[in-house]
Amino acid sequence: MPKIRLTEKIELNLSGQANNLICVGPVGSGKTQLLYHVLMSLYAQDCVVYAADLKGGAGGSFYSLVRYNAENGEDYAINNAEDFDKVLDMLLETMKIRYQSFANPNVPLDVKASDLNSNWKPIYLLVDEYSSGLAILKKSKSTRDLGERIERKLLQLVQQSRQAEIGIILSFQYLKADTLPKEISDQMMKIGLGAGLSNQSKIQLFDKAINLPRGDFSEGVFAGYVQRPTDINPLYFRCPDLANVDFRQILSQIVMSKVS
C-alpha cells in the first residue's frame, strides 16, 4: 500500500489499519490542494483512484484529475448516486474476490475477476462531501432507500477492506456527530485543517477541541492536525506549498512514465 509524505517528518502509511482517511477542512483551509497532493501520490505509486460527489457535481475540482487507470488515462469520476452505488458493488465484489484468492491461492476463482483483480493494484475511493450528499439522498422519499444502501455498503468497505488493498478517503467541510459511527471513524487516519475548523469537528476527529498542539494558523498559512494510529495525540503540520503546482502537468508526466 502507498505512502503519502505530508512534511519532511510526517508520512501517512496507507496500509493495514490506516488504509482509510478522513480529511476535514472548511473553505479556504487548503483541503482541496492537500487532496490533490494525496491523489498525485497515489497515482505515482500505481494506484487506481475513483472520485465521487453524491451531490451531483459535474466538472468539479477533482474531475479533471481523476483517472480510471494508468493504462488508458481516462478520467473516471462519479457524479450521481446511482453510479456510485454500482461502483460500491464492484468494489465489494473485488474485495470478495481478493480475499478468496488470499485464502486459497491455488484454487481457481469461482467468480469472474475484473481487470482490477487481474493486476492487483491498490484501489482508493475518494468521496467528496460525503455527509452532505448522503443527507440529500436520505431526505427525499424517492432516494432514501438508495442513500441507506450506499451508507451500508461504504461502511462495510471501511470495516472489511483492510487487507484487500482497498482504501476509502472521505472529505468534509465539517464533521457532525452522526456522520460516521465512532467505532468506524476510530479505524481511520484523521486530518483536520484550518483556523476555521469547528470545535465540533475537532471533537469528532480527535476527541478534543482544546489542548491541541500550538501552531501557526495566520492568514495565508495552510496548516492543521493529523493523527495516525501510531500517534497518541494529534500532530500539528503545515500543508505542502502547492499554490503554483500544475497538477495536470504532473499527471501527464506520471501517465507518460508508465507508458514508457
Protein backbone atom coordinates (compact mmCIF):
# COMPACT_ATOMS: atom_id res chain seq x y z
CA MET A 1 0.00 0.00 0.00
CA PRO A 2 1.21 3.55 -0.72
CA LYS A 3 2.80 6.16 1.49
CA ILE A 4 1.97 9.88 1.38
CA ARG A 5 4.56 12.37 2.59
CA LEU A 6 2.92 15.36 4.29
CA THR A 7 6.08 17.00 5.57
CA GLU A 8 9.74 16.08 5.88
CA LYS A 9 8.95 14.35 9.19
CA ILE A 10 5.32 13.20 8.77
CA GLU A 11 4.31 10.41 6.42
CA LEU A 12 0.94 8.73 6.01
CA ASN A 13 1.30 4.98 5.56
CA LEU A 14 -1.97 3.95 3.92
CA SER A 15 -1.76 0.30 4.84
CA GLY A 16 -3.26 -2.13 7.32
CA GLN A 17 -5.48 -0.40 9.84
CA ALA A 18 -4.65 3.01 8.38
CA ASN A 19 -5.82 2.42 4.82
CA ASN A 20 -8.78 4.79 5.31
CA LEU A 21 -8.57 8.57 5.74
CA ILE A 22 -10.90 11.35 6.92
CA CYS A 23 -10.00 14.89 5.78
CA VAL A 24 -11.97 17.81 7.23
CA GLY A 25 -11.44 21.46 6.36
CA PRO A 26 -13.65 24.50 5.75
CA VAL A 27 -13.47 26.61 2.60
CA GLY A 28 -10.03 28.19 2.23
CA SER A 29 -8.27 25.77 4.58
CA GLY A 30 -6.16 24.13 1.84
CA LYS A 31 -8.14 20.88 1.84
CA THR A 32 -8.51 20.67 -1.95
CA GLN A 33 -4.80 21.29 -2.55
CA LEU A 34 -3.88 18.69 0.06
CA LEU A 35 -6.18 16.11 -1.55
CA TYR A 36 -4.61 16.91 -4.93
CA HIS A 37 -1.27 16.05 -3.34
CA VAL A 38 -2.71 12.79 -2.00
CA LEU A 39 -4.15 11.92 -5.43
CA MET A 40 -0.89 12.58 -7.24
CA SER A 41 1.00 10.48 -4.68
CA LEU A 42 -1.45 7.60 -5.18
CA TYR A 43 -1.13 7.78 -8.97
CA ALA A 44 2.66 7.92 -8.78
CA GLN A 45 2.55 4.67 -6.77
CA ASP A 46 0.40 2.96 -9.41
CA CYS A 47 -2.92 3.02 -7.57
CA VAL A 48 -6.39 3.10 -9.11
CA VAL A 49 -8.46 6.05 -7.85
CA TYR A 50 -12.18 6.72 -8.04
CA ALA A 51 -13.71 10.06 -7.02
CA ALA A 52 -17.38 10.55 -6.18
CA ASP A 53 -19.59 13.55 -5.46
CA LEU A 54 -23.02 12.44 -4.23
CA LYS A 55 -24.40 15.97 -4.68
CA GLY A 56 -24.20 15.53 -8.45
CA GLY A 57 -21.24 17.79 -9.14
CA ALA A 58 -20.05 17.95 -12.74
CA GLY A 59 -16.66 19.25 -13.77
CA GLY A 60 -15.64 19.84 -10.16
CA SER A 61 -12.12 20.26 -8.90
CA PHE A 62 -11.25 16.54 -8.75
CA TYR A 63 -12.84 15.57 -12.03
CA SER A 64 -10.16 16.89 -14.33
CA LEU A 65 -7.52 14.87 -12.47
CA VAL A 66 -9.03 11.53 -11.54
CA ARG A 67 -8.31 8.66 -13.92
CA TYR A 68 -9.74 5.16 -14.04
CA ASN A 69 -6.34 3.55 -14.56
CA ALA A 70 -2.85 4.26 -15.81
CA GLU A 71 -3.20 2.21 -18.97
CA ASN A 72 -5.75 4.28 -20.86
CA GLY A 73 -5.59 7.56 -18.95
CA GLU A 74 -9.37 8.03 -18.95
CA ASP A 75 -10.95 10.28 -16.37
CA TYR A 76 -13.12 8.27 -14.00
CA ALA A 77 -15.31 10.22 -11.65
CA ILE A 78 -18.80 9.56 -10.34
CA ASN A 79 -21.29 12.42 -10.16
CA ASN A 80 -24.56 10.68 -9.38
CA ALA A 81 -25.75 8.36 -6.64
CA GLU A 82 -26.87 5.52 -8.93
CA ASP A 83 -23.42 5.16 -10.49
CA PHE A 84 -21.81 5.44 -7.06
CA ASP A 85 -23.99 2.57 -5.82
CA LYS A 86 -22.77 0.43 -8.76
CA VAL A 87 -19.12 1.28 -8.06
CA LEU A 88 -19.58 0.27 -4.41
CA ASP A 89 -20.98 -3.08 -5.59
CA MET A 90 -17.95 -3.53 -7.85
CA LEU A 91 -15.53 -2.71 -5.00
CA LEU A 92 -17.30 -5.13 -2.66
CA GLU A 93 -17.07 -7.84 -5.33
CA THR A 94 -13.38 -7.01 -5.83
CA MET A 95 -12.82 -7.29 -2.07
CA LYS A 96 -14.56 -10.69 -2.01
CA ILE A 97 -12.51 -12.00 -4.92
CA ARG A 98 -9.24 -10.80 -3.42
CA TYR A 99 -9.98 -12.37 -0.05
CA GLN A 100 -10.97 -15.61 -1.77
CA SER A 101 -7.65 -15.61 -3.61
CA PHE A 102 -5.71 -14.87 -0.40
CA ALA A 103 -7.42 -17.76 1.41
CA ASN A 104 -7.00 -20.27 -1.43
CA PRO A 105 -4.26 -19.07 -3.78
CA ASN A 106 -4.16 -22.36 -5.71
CA VAL A 107 -7.92 -22.64 -6.24
CA PRO A 108 -9.40 -21.09 -9.41
CA LEU A 109 -11.77 -18.23 -8.68
CA ASP A 110 -15.44 -19.15 -8.91
CA VAL A 111 -16.29 -15.52 -9.68
CA LYS A 112 -15.11 -13.85 -12.87
CA ALA A 113 -12.36 -11.45 -11.82
CA SER A 114 -12.43 -7.91 -13.19
CA ASP A 115 -9.38 -6.08 -14.52
CA LEU A 116 -8.94 -4.60 -11.05
CA ASN A 117 -8.22 -8.10 -9.78
CA SER A 118 -6.07 -9.16 -12.69
CA ASN A 119 -3.36 -6.62 -11.86
CA TRP A 120 -3.99 -6.35 -8.09
CA LYS A 121 -3.34 -2.63 -7.85
CA PRO A 122 -4.30 -0.79 -4.66
CA ILE A 123 -7.68 0.90 -5.13
CA TYR A 124 -8.80 4.14 -3.47
CA LEU A 125 -12.24 5.70 -3.39
CA LEU A 126 -12.35 9.44 -2.61
CA VAL A 127 -15.82 10.70 -1.66
CA ASP A 128 -16.09 14.49 -1.62
CA GLU A 129 -18.57 15.99 0.88
CA TYR A 130 -19.89 12.53 1.79
CA SER A 131 -22.19 13.60 4.63
CA SER A 132 -23.85 16.43 2.64
CA GLY A 133 -24.55 14.20 -0.33
CA LEU A 134 -25.85 11.39 1.86
CA ALA A 135 -28.13 13.78 3.75
CA ILE A 136 -29.66 14.96 0.46
CA LEU A 137 -30.38 11.39 -0.59
CA LYS A 138 -31.88 10.36 2.75
CA LYS A 139 -34.05 13.48 2.98
CA SER A 140 -36.18 12.57 -0.07
CA LYS A 141 -38.63 9.66 -0.04
CA SER A 142 -37.70 8.70 -3.58
CA THR A 143 -33.98 8.35 -2.81
CA ARG A 144 -33.96 7.39 0.88
CA ASP A 145 -33.55 3.67 0.23
CA LEU A 146 -30.67 4.39 -2.16
CA GLY A 147 -28.98 6.61 0.43
CA GLU A 148 -29.30 3.99 3.15
CA ARG A 149 -27.98 1.31 0.80
CA ILE A 150 -24.96 3.45 -0.10
CA GLU A 151 -24.29 4.12 3.58
CA ARG A 152 -24.32 0.40 4.45
CA LYS A 153 -22.01 -0.53 1.57
CA LEU A 154 -19.49 2.22 2.26
CA LEU A 155 -19.31 1.36 5.95
CA GLN A 156 -18.81 -2.30 5.01
CA LEU A 157 -15.85 -1.32 2.83
CA VAL A 158 -14.33 0.84 5.57
CA GLN A 159 -14.64 -2.02 8.06
CA GLN A 160 -13.68 -5.01 5.93
CA SER A 161 -11.41 -3.97 3.04
CA ARG A 162 -8.26 -3.52 5.12
CA GLN A 163 -6.26 -6.44 3.72
CA ALA A 164 -7.76 -6.31 0.21
CA GLU A 165 -5.75 -3.22 -0.75
CA ILE A 166 -8.87 -1.05 -0.97
CA GLY A 167 -8.94 2.26 0.88
CA ILE A 168 -11.58 4.95 1.46
CA ILE A 169 -10.85 8.71 1.65
CA LEU A 170 -13.76 10.80 2.95
CA SER A 171 -13.70 14.60 2.61
CA PHE A 172 -15.86 17.03 4.60
CA GLN A 173 -16.17 20.76 5.24
CA TYR A 174 -17.23 19.90 8.79
CA LEU A 175 -17.81 16.68 10.68
CA LYS A 176 -21.04 16.02 12.57
CA ALA A 177 -21.63 13.51 15.34
CA ASP A 178 -23.88 11.32 13.16
CA THR A 179 -21.63 11.29 10.08
CA LEU A 180 -19.83 8.06 10.96
CA PRO A 181 -20.16 5.65 13.88
CA LYS A 182 -17.29 6.22 16.31
CA GLU A 183 -16.17 2.60 16.03
CA ILE A 184 -15.73 3.26 12.29
CA SER A 185 -14.03 6.65 12.45
CA ASP A 186 -11.62 5.35 15.11
CA GLN A 187 -10.25 2.96 12.46
CA MET A 188 -9.42 5.83 10.09
CA MET A 189 -6.48 8.19 9.82
CA LYS A 190 -7.64 11.77 10.50
CA ILE A 191 -6.69 15.20 9.18
CA GLY A 192 -8.29 18.47 10.32
CA LEU A 193 -7.32 21.67 8.51
CA GLY A 194 -7.51 25.42 9.04
CA ALA A 195 -8.07 28.00 11.73
CA GLY A 196 -11.80 27.73 10.99
CA LEU A 197 -12.00 24.06 11.92
CA SER A 198 -15.02 23.91 14.23
CA ASN A 199 -14.86 22.64 17.80
CA GLN A 200 -17.46 20.02 16.86
CA SER A 201 -15.21 18.72 14.08
CA LYS A 202 -12.20 18.69 16.43
CA ILE A 203 -14.15 16.66 18.98
CA GLN A 204 -15.36 14.18 16.35
CA LEU A 205 -11.87 13.84 14.89
CA PHE A 206 -9.63 13.90 17.93
CA ASP A 207 -11.96 13.53 20.96
CA LYS A 208 -10.96 17.04 21.98
CA ALA A 209 -11.41 20.67 20.99
CA ILE A 210 -8.86 22.21 23.35
CA ASN A 211 -5.28 21.43 24.30
CA LEU A 212 -4.38 20.64 20.70
CA PRO A 213 -0.78 21.43 19.70
CA ARG A 214 0.03 25.09 19.07
CA GLY A 215 0.70 26.10 15.51
CA ASP A 216 0.69 28.94 13.01
CA PHE A 217 -2.80 29.46 11.56
CA SER A 218 -2.28 33.03 10.35
CA GLU A 219 -3.78 34.19 7.06
CA GLY A 220 -2.26 32.50 4.04
CA VAL A 221 -0.87 29.59 6.07
CA PHE A 222 -2.44 26.22 5.23
CA ALA A 223 -1.99 24.08 8.31
CA GLY A 224 -3.78 21.60 10.50
CA TYR A 225 -3.61 18.47 12.62
CA VAL A 226 -3.05 14.84 11.69
CA GLN A 227 -3.47 11.72 13.80
CA ARG A 228 -2.29 8.31 12.66
CA PRO A 229 -2.89 5.04 14.55
CA THR A 230 0.65 5.29 15.93
CA ASP A 231 0.12 8.84 17.27
CA ILE A 232 -1.06 9.11 20.87
CA ASN A 233 -2.02 12.74 20.25
CA PRO A 234 -2.69 14.78 17.09
CA LEU A 235 0.33 16.42 15.44
CA TYR A 236 0.45 19.94 14.01
CA PHE A 237 1.68 20.18 10.41
CA ARG A 238 1.98 22.70 7.61
CA CYS A 239 0.50 21.63 4.28
CA PRO A 240 2.90 21.27 1.34
CA ASP A 241 3.18 24.54 -0.62
CA LEU A 242 1.19 23.68 -3.73
CA ALA A 243 -0.03 27.12 -4.78
CA ASN A 244 1.87 27.16 -8.08
CA VAL A 245 1.82 23.45 -8.86
CA ASP A 246 0.42 22.42 -12.26
CA PHE A 247 -1.31 19.17 -11.34
CA ARG A 248 -2.35 18.46 -14.93
CA GLN A 249 1.29 18.56 -16.00
CA ILE A 250 2.31 16.25 -13.14
CA LEU A 251 -0.46 13.85 -14.09
CA SER A 252 0.68 13.84 -17.72
CA GLN A 253 4.23 13.07 -16.61
CA ILE A 254 3.03 10.18 -14.45
CA VAL A 255 1.00 8.73 -17.30
CA MET A 256 3.90 9.09 -19.76
CA SER A 257 6.35 7.45 -17.35
CA LYS A 258 4.06 4.40 -17.03
CA VAL A 259 3.60 4.13 -20.80
CA SER A 260 7.35 4.28 -21.44
